[in-house]
Amino acid sequence: MNRQHYLTLADAALTRAAALAREAESAAKGDARHKAEPFAAVSAAWSDIARSHAAIAQAMTDDDTISEA
């Protein structure tokens, strides 16, 4: 995997985190308040994943590759 691949993974994870955060916000405002905390927790996990992928990409040069095991 190259730098661009990790940036793409980070973008996808961030998009997922944002969608889950919106679900948490909607749940907190509506009748499903019990669902807000789990949605927020999963959103935070996806945010961590996005940060991890972005950090890997930042540490790589444009021509670096990491082989998949």
N, C-alpha and C. Protein backbone atom coordinates (compact mmCIF):
# COMPACT_ATOMS: atom_id res chain seq x y z
N MET A 1 0.85 -1.17 0.00
CA MET A 1 0.00 0.00 0.00
C MET A 1 0.90 1.24 0.00
N ASN A 2 0.49 2.21 -0.77
CA ASN A 2 1.29 3.43 -0.85
C ASN A 2 0.61 4.56 -0.05
N ARG A 3 1.25 5.71 -0.09
CA ARG A 3 0.77 6.86 0.68
C ARG A 3 -0.66 7.24 0.29
N GLN A 4 -0.95 7.27 -0.98
CA GLN A 4 -2.28 7.65 -1.44
C GLN A 4 -3.34 6.68 -0.92
N HIS A 5 -2.99 5.41 -0.87
CA HIS A 5 -3.94 4.42 -0.36
C HIS A 5 -4.29 4.71 1.10
N TYR A 6 -3.28 5.04 1.92
CA TYR A 6 -3.55 5.36 3.32
C TYR A 6 -4.35 6.65 3.46
N LEU A 7 -4.13 7.61 2.59
CA LEU A 7 -4.93 8.83 2.61
C LEU A 7 -6.38 8.53 2.23
N THR A 8 -6.57 7.64 1.29
CA THR A 8 -7.92 7.23 0.90
C THR A 8 -8.62 6.52 2.05
N LEU A 9 -7.89 5.63 2.73
CA LEU A 9 -8.46 4.95 3.90
C LEU A 9 -8.81 5.94 5.00
N ALA A 10 -7.96 6.92 5.22
CA ALA A 10 -8.23 7.94 6.24
C ALA A 10 -9.48 8.74 5.89
N ASP A 11 -9.63 9.10 4.63
CA ASP A 11 -10.80 9.84 4.19
C ASP A 11 -12.07 9.03 4.38
N ALA A 12 -12.02 7.75 4.02
CA ALA A 12 -13.20 6.88 4.18
C ALA A 12 -13.57 6.73 5.65
N ALA A 13 -12.58 6.57 6.51
CA ALA A 13 -12.84 6.42 7.94
C ALA A 13 -13.41 7.71 8.52
N LEU A 14 -12.90 8.84 8.08
CA LEU A 14 -13.41 10.12 8.56
C LEU A 14 -14.85 10.36 8.11
N THR A 15 -15.15 9.97 6.89
CA THR A 15 -16.52 10.09 6.38
C THR A 15 -17.47 9.24 7.22
N ARG A 16 -17.03 8.04 7.56
CA ARG A 16 -17.85 7.15 8.38
C ARG A 16 -18.03 7.73 9.78
N ALA A 17 -16.96 8.28 10.35
CA ALA A 17 -17.04 8.88 11.68
C ALA A 17 -18.02 10.04 11.69
N ALA A 18 -17.99 10.86 10.66
CA ALA A 18 -18.90 12.01 10.58
C ALA A 18 -20.35 11.55 10.50
N ALA A 19 -20.60 10.53 9.70
CA ALA A 19 -21.97 10.01 9.57
C ALA A 19 -22.48 9.47 10.92
N LEU A 20 -21.61 8.76 11.62
CA LEU A 20 -22.01 8.23 12.93
C LEU A 20 -22.20 9.33 13.95
N ALA A 21 -21.42 10.38 13.86
CA ALA A 21 -21.60 11.52 14.76
C ALA A 21 -22.95 12.20 14.52
N ARG A 22 -23.33 12.30 13.25
CA ARG A 22 -24.66 12.86 12.94
C ARG A 22 -25.76 11.97 13.50
N GLU A 23 -25.58 10.65 13.42
CA GLU A 23 -26.56 9.72 13.99
C GLU A 23 -26.65 9.91 15.50
N ALA A 24 -25.50 10.08 16.15
CA ALA A 24 -25.49 10.29 17.60
C ALA A 24 -26.22 11.57 17.96
N GLU A 25 -25.97 12.62 17.19
CA GLU A 25 -26.64 13.90 17.45
C GLU A 25 -28.14 13.78 17.27
N SER A 26 -28.56 13.11 16.21
CA SER A 26 -30.00 12.92 15.98
C SER A 26 -30.63 12.10 17.09
N ALA A 27 -29.95 11.05 17.50
CA ALA A 27 -30.48 10.20 18.56
C ALA A 27 -30.60 10.97 19.88
N ALA A 28 -29.62 11.81 20.15
CA ALA A 28 -29.63 12.58 21.39
C ALA A 28 -30.78 13.58 21.43
N LYS A 29 -31.19 14.05 20.28
CA LYS A 29 -32.27 15.05 20.21
C LYS A 29 -33.65 14.42 20.13
N GLY A 30 -33.72 13.13 19.82
CA GLY A 30 -35.01 12.49 19.61
C GLY A 30 -35.39 11.54 20.72
N ASP A 31 -36.24 10.60 20.36
CA ASP A 31 -36.74 9.62 21.33
C ASP A 31 -35.78 8.45 21.55
N ALA A 32 -34.71 8.38 20.78
CA ALA A 32 -33.77 7.26 20.87
C ALA A 32 -32.49 7.68 21.59
N ARG A 33 -32.64 8.37 22.70
CA ARG A 33 -31.46 8.87 23.41
C ARG A 33 -30.53 7.75 23.86
N HIS A 34 -31.07 6.58 24.09
CA HIS A 34 -30.25 5.45 24.52
C HIS A 34 -29.27 5.00 23.43
N LYS A 35 -29.50 5.42 22.20
CA LYS A 35 -28.61 5.06 21.09
C LYS A 35 -27.50 6.09 20.87
N ALA A 36 -27.62 7.24 21.47
CA ALA A 36 -26.65 8.31 21.23
C ALA A 36 -25.24 7.94 21.68
N GLU A 37 -25.11 7.39 22.87
CA GLU A 37 -23.78 7.06 23.39
C GLU A 37 -23.07 5.99 22.55
N PRO A 38 -23.75 4.90 22.18
CA PRO A 38 -23.07 3.91 21.32
C PRO A 38 -22.66 4.50 19.96
N PHE A 39 -23.51 5.30 19.36
CA PHE A 39 -23.14 5.94 18.08
C PHE A 39 -21.93 6.84 18.26
N ALA A 40 -21.90 7.60 19.35
CA ALA A 40 -20.77 8.50 19.61
C ALA A 40 -19.48 7.71 19.83
N ALA A 41 -19.58 6.59 20.53
CA ALA A 41 -18.39 5.77 20.79
C ALA A 41 -17.83 5.18 19.50
N VAL A 42 -18.69 4.70 18.65
CA VAL A 42 -18.23 4.12 17.39
C VAL A 42 -17.67 5.23 16.49
N SER A 43 -18.28 6.40 16.53
CA SER A 43 -17.75 7.53 15.77
C SER A 43 -16.34 7.88 16.23
N ALA A 44 -16.13 7.88 17.53
CA ALA A 44 -14.80 8.17 18.07
C ALA A 44 -13.78 7.12 17.63
N ALA A 45 -14.20 5.86 17.60
CA ALA A 45 -13.30 4.80 17.15
C ALA A 45 -12.91 5.00 15.69
N TRP A 46 -13.88 5.35 14.84
CA TRP A 46 -13.56 5.59 13.43
C TRP A 46 -12.67 6.82 13.26
N SER A 47 -12.84 7.82 14.14
CA SER A 47 -11.96 8.98 14.10
C SER A 47 -10.52 8.58 14.43
N ASP A 48 -10.37 7.69 15.42
CA ASP A 48 -9.03 7.19 15.76
C ASP A 48 -8.41 6.43 14.58
N ILE A 49 -9.22 5.64 13.91
CA ILE A 49 -8.74 4.90 12.74
C ILE A 49 -8.29 5.87 11.65
N ALA A 50 -9.07 6.91 11.43
CA ALA A 50 -8.71 7.92 10.42
C ALA A 50 -7.38 8.58 10.78
N ARG A 51 -7.22 8.94 12.04
CA ARG A 51 -5.96 9.55 12.48
C ARG A 51 -4.78 8.61 12.29
N SER A 52 -4.99 7.33 12.56
CA SER A 52 -3.92 6.34 12.38
C SER A 52 -3.49 6.24 10.93
N HIS A 53 -4.46 6.15 10.04
CA HIS A 53 -4.14 6.07 8.61
C HIS A 53 -3.45 7.35 8.14
N ALA A 54 -3.92 8.49 8.61
CA ALA A 54 -3.29 9.76 8.22
C ALA A 54 -1.86 9.84 8.74
N ALA A 55 -1.62 9.36 9.95
CA ALA A 55 -0.26 9.39 10.50
C ALA A 55 0.68 8.48 9.71
N ILE A 56 0.19 7.33 9.30
CA ILE A 56 1.01 6.44 8.47
C ILE A 56 1.34 7.13 7.16
N ALA A 57 0.33 7.73 6.54
CA ALA A 57 0.55 8.43 5.27
C ALA A 57 1.55 9.57 5.43
N GLN A 58 1.46 10.29 6.53
CA GLN A 58 2.37 11.41 6.76
C GLN A 58 3.81 10.94 6.91
N ALA A 59 3.98 9.77 7.50
CA ALA A 59 5.33 9.25 7.72
C ALA A 59 5.97 8.68 6.45
N MET A 60 5.15 8.44 5.44
CA MET A 60 5.65 7.85 4.19
C MET A 60 6.06 8.93 3.20
N THR A 61 6.98 8.57 2.31
CA THR A 61 7.28 9.43 1.18
C THR A 61 6.37 9.00 0.03
N ASP A 62 6.34 9.77 -1.03
CA ASP A 62 5.46 9.44 -2.15
C ASP A 62 5.78 8.10 -2.80
N ASP A 63 7.03 7.68 -2.74
CA ASP A 63 7.37 6.42 -3.39
C ASP A 63 7.51 5.23 -2.44
N ASP A 64 7.19 5.42 -1.16
CA ASP A 64 7.18 4.30 -0.20
C ASP A 64 6.00 3.39 -0.46
N THR A 65 6.19 2.12 -0.19
CA THR A 65 5.08 1.17 -0.21
C THR A 65 5.23 0.24 0.97
N ILE A 66 4.12 -0.25 1.46
CA ILE A 66 4.09 -1.22 2.54
C ILE A 66 3.38 -2.45 1.99
N SER A 67 4.04 -3.58 2.06
CA SER A 67 3.42 -4.79 1.51
C SER A 67 2.40 -5.32 2.53
N GLU A 68 1.33 -5.87 2.00
CA GLU A 68 0.29 -6.45 2.84
C GLU A 68 0.70 -7.86 3.23
N ALA A 69 0.46 -8.20 4.47
CA ALA A 69 0.82 -9.55 4.95
C ALA A 69 -0.27 -10.54 4.64
